[in-house]
Amino acid sequence: MRDHSSSIETNNSPGHFRWIVCALLFFATTINYMDRQLLSLLKPILDQHPNPVDFPL
């Protein structure tokens, strides 16, 4: 029978952790890019309303 403890230990290896960090950086960059694109699409609409929130300061 094979010992599966070695395959469990490889999940905690530095290489595995590096890929998790790379994936998190990729998703953060993707969300940032999507946010910038959405704001650029909404800019003409937002420019039509000089003060979108009217409340006393």
C-alpha atoms as a PDB file:
ATOM      1  CA  MET A   1       0.000   0.000   0.000  1.00  0.00           C
ATOM      2  CA  ARG A   2       1.120   3.527  -0.659  1.00  0.00           C
ATOM      3  CA  ASP A   3       1.714   6.089   2.021  1.00  0.00           C
ATOM      4  CA  HIS A   4      -0.425   9.156   1.247  1.00  0.00           C
ATOM      5  CA  SER A   5       1.151  11.324   3.943  1.00  0.00           C
ATOM      6  CA  SER A   6       3.831  12.513   1.493  1.00  0.00           C
ATOM      7  CA  SER A   7       1.168  13.873  -0.891  1.00  0.00           C
ATOM      8  CA  ILE A   8      -0.448  15.765   1.979  1.00  0.00           C
ATOM      9  CA  GLU A   9       2.894  17.311   2.942  1.00  0.00           C
ATOM     10  CA  THR A  10       3.480  18.602  -0.603  1.00  0.00           C
ATOM     11  CA  ASN A  11       0.403  20.839  -0.275  1.00  0.00           C
ATOM     12  CA  ASN A  12       2.299  22.860   2.335  1.00  0.00           C
ATOM     13  CA  SER A  13       5.403  23.214   0.182  1.00  0.00           C
ATOM     14  CA  PRO A  14       6.699  26.695  -0.731  1.00  0.00           C
ATOM     15  CA  GLY A  15       5.826  26.075  -4.399  1.00  0.00           C
ATOM     16  CA  HIS A  16       2.171  25.571  -3.511  1.00  0.00           C
ATOM     17  CA  PHE A  17       2.140  28.751  -1.433  1.00  0.00           C
ATOM     18  CA  ARG A  18       3.718  30.721  -4.309  1.00  0.00           C
ATOM     19  CA  TRP A  19       0.939  29.675  -6.692  1.00  0.00           C
ATOM     20  CA  ILE A  20      -1.685  30.746  -4.177  1.00  0.00           C
ATOM     21  CA  VAL A  21      -0.022  34.175  -3.902  1.00  0.00           C
ATOM     22  CA  CYS A  22       0.146  34.416  -7.712  1.00  0.00           C
ATOM     23  CA  ALA A  23      -3.550  33.545  -7.993  1.00  0.00           C
ATOM     24  CA  LEU A  24      -4.499  36.175  -5.404  1.00  0.00           C
ATOM     25  CA  LEU A  25      -2.436  38.809  -7.216  1.00  0.00           C
ATOM     26  CA  PHE A  26      -4.072  37.842 -10.510  1.00  0.00           C
ATOM     27  CA  PHE A  27      -7.583  38.182  -9.082  1.00  0.00           C
ATOM     28  CA  ALA A  28      -6.760  41.505  -7.404  1.00  0.00           C
ATOM     29  CA  THR A  29      -5.354  42.859 -10.679  1.00  0.00           C
ATOM     30  CA  THR A  30      -8.398  41.615 -12.593  1.00  0.00           C
ATOM     31  CA  ILE A  31     -10.833  43.260 -10.166  1.00  0.00           C
ATOM     32  CA  ASN A  32      -8.839  46.517 -10.310  1.00  0.00           C
ATOM     33  CA  TYR A  33      -8.897  46.466 -14.126  1.00  0.00           C
ATOM     34  CA  MET A  34     -12.647  45.783 -14.214  1.00  0.00           C
ATOM     35  CA  ASP A  35     -13.274  48.601 -11.744  1.00  0.00           C
ATOM     36  CA  ARG A  36     -11.290  51.077 -13.864  1.00  0.00           C
ATOM     37  CA  GLN A  37     -13.166  50.041 -16.990  1.00  0.00           C
ATOM     38  CA  LEU A  38     -16.531  50.387 -15.264  1.00  0.00           C
ATOM     39  CA  LEU A  39     -15.689  53.865 -13.990  1.00  0.00           C
ATOM     40  CA  SER A  40     -14.581  54.955 -17.462  1.00  0.00           C
ATOM     41  CA  LEU A  41     -17.881  53.710 -18.893  1.00  0.00           C
ATOM     42  CA  LEU A  42     -19.906  55.501 -16.215  1.00  0.00           C
ATOM     43  CA  LYS A  43     -17.992  58.791 -16.403  1.00  0.00           C
ATOM     44  CA  PRO A  44     -20.357  60.447 -18.941  1.00  0.00           C
ATOM     45  CA  ILE A  45     -23.365  59.538 -16.813  1.00  0.00           C
ATOM     46  CA  LEU A  46     -21.710  60.701 -13.595  1.00  0.00           C
ATOM     47  CA  ASP A  47     -20.657  63.982 -15.213  1.00  0.00           C
ATOM     48  CA  GLN A  48     -24.318  64.831 -15.902  1.00  0.00           C
ATOM     49  CA  HIS A  49     -25.027  64.962 -12.177  1.00  0.00           C
ATOM     50  CA  PRO A  50     -22.807  67.530 -10.458  1.00  0.00           C
ATOM     51  CA  ASN A  51     -23.810  66.519  -6.929  1.00  0.00           C
ATOM     52  CA  PRO A  52     -25.234  62.978  -6.838  1.00  0.00           C
ATOM     53  CA  VAL A  53     -25.670  62.993  -3.052  1.00  0.00           C
ATOM     54  CA  ASP A  54     -27.657  65.899  -1.642  1.00  0.00           C
ATOM     55  CA  PHE A  55     -27.345  66.034   2.112  1.00  0.00           C
ATOM     56  CA  PRO A  56     -26.328  68.843   4.450  1.00  0.00           C
ATOM     57  CA  LEU A  57     -22.756  68.797   5.670  1.00  0.00           C
END
